[in-house]
Every structure is written in C-alpha cells, then in structure tokens.
Amino acid sequence: RNRGNNSYLCQLLAEEYKNTGPAFNALALGAVQTEMLSEAFPGFQAPQTPKEIAAHILQFALEGQQFFNGKIIPLANTTP
C-alpha cells in the first residue's frame, strides 16, 4: 500500500518537472546484508552486500534519469 503512494509521488513529480528537470525515481533495494538485518533475521543471507548495493545506487544516480522518470525500480526481488 505504501509503495503505491510512493509510486504516485514519483509520477506526480516527474510530470510536474518533465520540461525542466530533475527526474524523480525511487529504488526499491530489497534485502541488504547489514548488521541490522543479521540481528533482526539471524541466519538469513541477503543477496546483496552494502558495497554491491552502493555501486548500483551510484550508477543509477549518474545514469538512471536517461532511461527512467517517475518510476520505482526494484534492485532485488527478495525481502526478509
């Protein structure tokens, strides 16, 4: 339910600023193997490390607006 609200906000802002920028997108990171995740879900192994997800975020921040505007993009398809 909350994801839908985020989607509408991205779409609304993208439409409002489509001629002048910036682009508005959100990344749905899924599970990342952090200390907090390990404490909350002992034994669970997330598919992404913080370093790996940081590289995805950086690449998207630099290049994502060329391909997306007003979107929520999942970077992982699993959650704890």
Protein backbone atom coordinates (compact mmCIF):
# COMPACT_ATOMS: atom_id res chain seq x y z
CA ARG A 1 0.00 0.00 0.00
CA ASN A 2 2.73 2.44 0.89
CA ARG A 3 4.62 1.52 -2.26
CA GLY A 4 1.65 2.73 -4.30
CA ASN A 5 1.76 6.12 -2.61
CA ASN A 6 5.47 6.39 -3.39
CA SER A 7 4.76 5.47 -7.00
CA TYR A 8 2.15 8.20 -7.31
CA LEU A 9 4.51 10.76 -5.78
CA CYS A 10 7.28 9.85 -8.25
CA GLN A 11 4.83 10.04 -11.15
CA LEU A 12 3.38 13.35 -9.98
CA LEU A 13 6.79 14.98 -9.54
CA ALA A 14 8.06 13.57 -12.83
CA GLU A 15 5.08 15.06 -14.66
CA GLU A 16 5.37 18.41 -12.85
CA TYR A 17 9.07 18.79 -13.74
CA LYS A 18 9.23 16.92 -17.06
CA ASN A 19 10.24 20.03 -19.01
CA THR A 20 12.73 21.50 -16.56
CA GLY A 21 14.00 18.52 -14.52
CA PRO A 22 15.11 16.94 -12.36
CA ALA A 23 13.97 13.36 -12.86
CA PHE A 24 12.18 11.64 -9.96
CA ASN A 25 12.65 7.94 -9.34
CA ALA A 26 12.92 5.62 -6.35
CA LEU A 27 14.97 2.48 -5.89
CA ALA A 28 13.42 -0.46 -4.03
CA LEU A 29 16.54 -2.01 -2.55
CA GLY A 30 15.16 -5.20 -1.05
CA ALA A 31 17.30 -7.02 1.50
CA VAL A 32 20.91 -5.93 2.02
CA GLN A 33 23.26 -7.88 4.28
CA THR A 34 23.80 -5.40 7.09
CA GLU A 35 24.41 -5.79 10.80
CA MET A 36 20.85 -4.68 11.50
CA LEU A 37 19.44 -7.31 9.12
CA SER A 38 21.60 -10.01 10.73
CA GLU A 39 20.29 -9.07 14.18
CA ALA A 40 16.67 -8.94 13.03
CA PHE A 41 16.80 -12.15 10.97
CA PRO A 42 19.51 -14.47 12.34
CA GLY A 43 20.68 -16.94 9.71
CA PHE A 44 19.14 -15.05 6.79
CA GLN A 45 21.60 -14.30 3.99
CA ALA A 46 20.62 -11.31 1.84
CA PRO A 47 21.53 -11.40 -1.85
CA GLN A 48 23.29 -8.01 -1.77
CA THR A 49 26.12 -6.56 0.30
CA PRO A 50 26.20 -2.86 1.20
CA LYS A 51 29.13 -2.35 -1.20
CA GLU A 52 27.26 -4.01 -4.08
CA ILE A 53 24.08 -2.02 -3.49
CA ALA A 54 26.09 1.22 -3.18
CA ALA A 55 27.56 0.60 -6.63
CA HIS A 56 24.03 0.16 -8.07
CA ILE A 57 22.82 3.34 -6.38
CA LEU A 58 25.79 5.35 -7.67
CA GLN A 59 25.33 4.09 -11.22
CA PHE A 60 21.61 4.86 -11.09
CA ALA A 61 22.21 8.33 -9.65
CA LEU A 62 24.59 9.11 -12.51
CA GLU A 63 22.71 7.47 -15.41
CA GLY A 64 19.17 6.49 -14.40
CA GLN A 65 17.49 9.71 -15.44
CA GLN A 66 18.46 8.98 -19.05
CA PHE A 67 16.13 5.99 -19.08
CA PHE A 68 13.59 6.47 -16.28
CA ASN A 69 11.41 9.20 -14.84
CA GLY A 70 8.57 8.73 -12.38
CA LYS A 71 9.40 5.08 -11.69
CA ILE A 72 10.11 2.80 -8.75
CA ILE A 73 12.85 0.39 -9.80
CA PRO A 74 13.45 -2.81 -7.79
CA LEU A 75 17.12 -3.71 -7.34
CA ALA A 76 16.38 -7.01 -5.62
CA ASN A 77 13.44 -9.34 -5.73
CA THR A 78 13.76 -10.74 -2.20
CA THR A 79 12.97 -9.35 1.22
CA PRO A 80 13.34 -10.90 4.66
